[in-house]
Amino acid sequence: MEALSWNDFEKVDMRIGTIIEATDFPKARKPAYQLTIDFGEEIGIRTSSAQITKRYSKEELIGKQIMAVVNFPKKQIANFFSECLLMGAVNGDDVILMQPSAKIPNGLKVS
C-alpha cells in the first residue's frame, strides 16, 4: 500500500449528505441504483451511482445519511453522470455504507 502525504489527504473533500431519491439503474453493467443526495447549501444536490442493491432496498435508502467524496470529477456511467463517490466497506460484492451514528447537518466535513 502506498502512503499518502498529509497534503494528499487534505485534497479529499468528504462530506455528509442525505439520500433524497433512489431509482433503479437498468443501464449499469452490474446491479446499481441512481441516487440523488443532498449535501446542504455549500455543496448542494449531487447524483451518484452505487452498487449497493445486495444490502439496501431503494425505500430504506431514502433519508439515510451517508459519507461521500464530493470533489472527484464527474464520471459518466452509461447515460448517467456520477458526481460524488459514496464511502462504504466492501466485502466481496456486498457494500456497507459509511454513515454517522447520529443525525447531523448535511454538508459537514469528514476529517
C-alpha atoms as a PDB file:
ATOM      1  CA  MET A   1       0.000   0.000   0.000  1.00  0.00           C
ATOM      2  CA  GLU A   2       1.354   3.421  -0.979  1.00  0.00           C
ATOM      3  CA  ALA A   3       1.433   6.005   1.791  1.00  0.00           C
ATOM      4  CA  LEU A   4      -0.316   9.342   1.228  1.00  0.00           C
ATOM      5  CA  SER A   5       1.157  12.621   2.289  1.00  0.00           C
ATOM      6  CA  TRP A   6      -0.837  14.917   4.554  1.00  0.00           C
ATOM      7  CA  ASN A   7      -1.194  17.279   1.565  1.00  0.00           C
ATOM      8  CA  ASP A   8      -2.753  14.436  -0.470  1.00  0.00           C
ATOM      9  CA  PHE A   9      -5.290  13.718   2.278  1.00  0.00           C
ATOM     10  CA  GLU A  10      -6.222  17.396   2.614  1.00  0.00           C
ATOM     11  CA  LYS A  11      -7.287  17.396  -1.066  1.00  0.00           C
ATOM     12  CA  VAL A  12     -10.024  14.819  -0.414  1.00  0.00           C
ATOM     13  CA  ASP A  13     -13.331  16.551   0.399  1.00  0.00           C
ATOM     14  CA  MET A  14     -15.547  14.110   2.301  1.00  0.00           C
ATOM     15  CA  ARG A  15     -18.987  15.327   3.373  1.00  0.00           C
ATOM     16  CA  ILE A  16     -22.160  14.071   4.998  1.00  0.00           C
ATOM     17  CA  GLY A  17     -25.279  14.000   2.835  1.00  0.00           C
ATOM     18  CA  THR A  18     -28.807  12.620   2.909  1.00  0.00           C
ATOM     19  CA  ILE A  19     -30.162  10.399   0.150  1.00  0.00           C
ATOM     20  CA  ILE A  20     -33.357  12.018  -1.142  1.00  0.00           C
ATOM     21  CA  GLU A  21     -34.042   9.782  -4.157  1.00  0.00           C
ATOM     22  CA  ALA A  22     -33.090   6.236  -5.193  1.00  0.00           C
ATOM     23  CA  THR A  23     -34.055   4.640  -8.510  1.00  0.00           C
ATOM     24  CA  ASP A  24     -33.075   1.519 -10.397  1.00  0.00           C
ATOM     25  CA  PHE A  25     -30.221   1.879 -12.892  1.00  0.00           C
ATOM     26  CA  PRO A  26     -31.043  -0.675 -15.608  1.00  0.00           C
ATOM     27  CA  LYS A  27     -28.250   0.504 -17.959  1.00  0.00           C
ATOM     28  CA  ALA A  28     -25.491  -0.204 -15.420  1.00  0.00           C
ATOM     29  CA  ARG A  29     -23.351  -3.286 -16.125  1.00  0.00           C
ATOM     30  CA  LYS A  30     -23.736  -4.531 -12.537  1.00  0.00           C
ATOM     31  CA  PRO A  31     -26.886  -4.059 -10.415  1.00  0.00           C
ATOM     32  CA  ALA A  32     -26.896  -0.474  -9.117  1.00  0.00           C
ATOM     33  CA  TYR A  33     -29.046   2.430  -8.038  1.00  0.00           C
ATOM     34  CA  GLN A  34     -29.041   6.027  -9.209  1.00  0.00           C
ATOM     35  CA  LEU A  35     -29.011   8.200  -6.094  1.00  0.00           C
ATOM     36  CA  THR A  36     -29.770  11.863  -5.525  1.00  0.00           C
ATOM     37  CA  ILE A  37     -28.057  13.205  -2.413  1.00  0.00           C
ATOM     38  CA  ASP A  38     -28.489  16.496  -0.539  1.00  0.00           C
ATOM     39  CA  PHE A  39     -25.155  17.838   0.770  1.00  0.00           C
ATOM     40  CA  GLY A  40     -26.549  21.101   2.156  1.00  0.00           C
ATOM     41  CA  GLU A  41     -26.205  24.693   0.990  1.00  0.00           C
ATOM     42  CA  GLU A  42     -22.466  24.826   0.230  1.00  0.00           C
ATOM     43  CA  ILE A  43     -22.287  21.674  -1.944  1.00  0.00           C
ATOM     44  CA  GLY A  44     -25.935  21.304  -2.986  1.00  0.00           C
ATOM     45  CA  ILE A  45     -27.566  18.303  -4.634  1.00  0.00           C
ATOM     46  CA  ARG A  46     -25.347  15.658  -6.259  1.00  0.00           C
ATOM     47  CA  THR A  47     -26.021  12.377  -8.044  1.00  0.00           C
ATOM     48  CA  SER A  48     -24.192   9.085  -7.716  1.00  0.00           C
ATOM     49  CA  SER A  49     -24.393   5.547  -8.989  1.00  0.00           C
ATOM     50  CA  ALA A  50     -23.932   2.898  -6.298  1.00  0.00           C
ATOM     51  CA  GLN A  51     -23.684  -0.882  -6.476  1.00  0.00           C
ATOM     52  CA  ILE A  52     -25.457  -1.402  -3.160  1.00  0.00           C
ATOM     53  CA  THR A  53     -28.521  -3.375  -4.301  1.00  0.00           C
ATOM     54  CA  LYS A  54     -27.488  -6.536  -2.434  1.00  0.00           C
ATOM     55  CA  ARG A  55     -27.811  -4.932   1.005  1.00  0.00           C
ATOM     56  CA  TYR A  56     -30.205  -1.976   0.570  1.00  0.00           C
ATOM     57  CA  SER A  57     -33.655  -1.506  -0.931  1.00  0.00           C
ATOM     58  CA  LYS A  58     -34.492   1.800  -2.622  1.00  0.00           C
ATOM     59  CA  GLU A  59     -37.070   2.524   0.056  1.00  0.00           C
ATOM     60  CA  GLU A  60     -34.684   2.120   3.003  1.00  0.00           C
ATOM     61  CA  LEU A  61     -32.107   4.398   1.367  1.00  0.00           C
ATOM     62  CA  ILE A  62     -34.430   7.425   1.365  1.00  0.00           C
ATOM     63  CA  GLY A  63     -33.491   9.645   4.314  1.00  0.00           C
ATOM     64  CA  LYS A  64     -30.285   7.714   5.075  1.00  0.00           C
ATOM     65  CA  GLN A  65     -27.271   9.889   5.815  1.00  0.00           C
ATOM     66  CA  ILE A  66     -24.056   8.815   4.122  1.00  0.00           C
ATOM     67  CA  MET A  67     -20.438   9.872   3.743  1.00  0.00           C
ATOM     68  CA  ALA A  68     -19.123  10.686   0.259  1.00  0.00           C
ATOM     69  CA  VAL A  69     -16.181  12.228  -1.548  1.00  0.00           C
ATOM     70  CA  VAL A  70     -17.578  15.269  -3.353  1.00  0.00           C
ATOM     71  CA  ASN A  71     -14.555  16.638  -5.218  1.00  0.00           C
ATOM     72  CA  PHE A  72     -13.918  13.923  -7.801  1.00  0.00           C
ATOM     73  CA  PRO A  73     -14.593  14.869 -11.420  1.00  0.00           C
ATOM     74  CA  LYS A  74     -17.946  13.741 -12.835  1.00  0.00           C
ATOM     75  CA  LYS A  75     -17.882  10.193 -14.208  1.00  0.00           C
ATOM     76  CA  GLN A  76     -20.230   9.060 -16.958  1.00  0.00           C
ATOM     77  CA  ILE A  77     -21.724   5.633 -16.399  1.00  0.00           C
ATOM     78  CA  ALA A  78     -23.935   4.664 -19.350  1.00  0.00           C
ATOM     79  CA  ASN A  79     -26.316   7.628 -19.748  1.00  0.00           C
ATOM     80  CA  PHE A  80     -25.815   8.919 -16.175  1.00  0.00           C
ATOM     81  CA  PHE A  81     -23.250  11.257 -14.571  1.00  0.00           C
ATOM     82  CA  SER A  82     -21.990  10.301 -11.127  1.00  0.00           C
ATOM     83  CA  GLU A  83     -20.942  13.463  -9.254  1.00  0.00           C
ATOM     84  CA  CYS A  84     -19.686  12.004  -5.973  1.00  0.00           C
ATOM     85  CA  LEU A  85     -18.406   8.724  -4.543  1.00  0.00           C
ATOM     86  CA  LEU A  86     -20.207   7.107  -1.629  1.00  0.00           C
ATOM     87  CA  MET A  87     -17.931   5.608   1.002  1.00  0.00           C
ATOM     88  CA  GLY A  88     -18.509   2.046   2.091  1.00  0.00           C
ATOM     89  CA  ALA A  89     -16.838  -1.035   3.481  1.00  0.00           C
ATOM     90  CA  VAL A  90     -16.509  -3.656   0.737  1.00  0.00           C
ATOM     91  CA  ASN A  91     -16.871  -7.358   1.484  1.00  0.00           C
ATOM     92  CA  GLY A  92     -16.847  -9.178  -1.855  1.00  0.00           C
ATOM     93  CA  ASP A  93     -19.896  -7.903  -3.740  1.00  0.00           C
ATOM     94  CA  ASP A  94     -21.530  -6.558  -0.557  1.00  0.00           C
ATOM     95  CA  VAL A  95     -21.045  -2.870   0.334  1.00  0.00           C
ATOM     96  CA  ILE A  96     -21.941  -1.455   3.743  1.00  0.00           C
ATOM     97  CA  LEU A  97     -22.373   2.322   3.588  1.00  0.00           C
ATOM     98  CA  MET A  98     -20.398   4.548   5.955  1.00  0.00           C
ATOM     99  CA  GLN A  99     -22.741   6.808   7.871  1.00  0.00           C
ATOM    100  CA  PRO A 100     -22.762   8.962  11.001  1.00  0.00           C
ATOM    101  CA  SER A 101     -24.004   7.368  14.211  1.00  0.00           C
ATOM    102  CA  ALA A 102     -26.356  10.297  14.861  1.00  0.00           C
ATOM    103  CA  LYS A 103     -28.303  12.677  12.592  1.00  0.00           C
ATOM    104  CA  ILE A 104     -26.122  15.683  11.716  1.00  0.00           C
ATOM    105  CA  PRO A 105     -26.407  18.621   9.303  1.00  0.00           C
ATOM    106  CA  ASN A 106     -25.871  17.859   5.615  1.00  0.00           C
ATOM    107  CA  GLY A 107     -22.617  19.175   4.237  1.00  0.00           C
ATOM    108  CA  LEU A 108     -20.487  18.751   7.353  1.00  0.00           C
ATOM    109  CA  LYS A 109     -16.881  17.871   6.526  1.00  0.00           C
ATOM    110  CA  VAL A 110     -15.492  14.488   7.488  1.00  0.00           C
ATOM    111  CA  SER A 111     -11.917  14.639   8.736  1.00  0.00           C
END
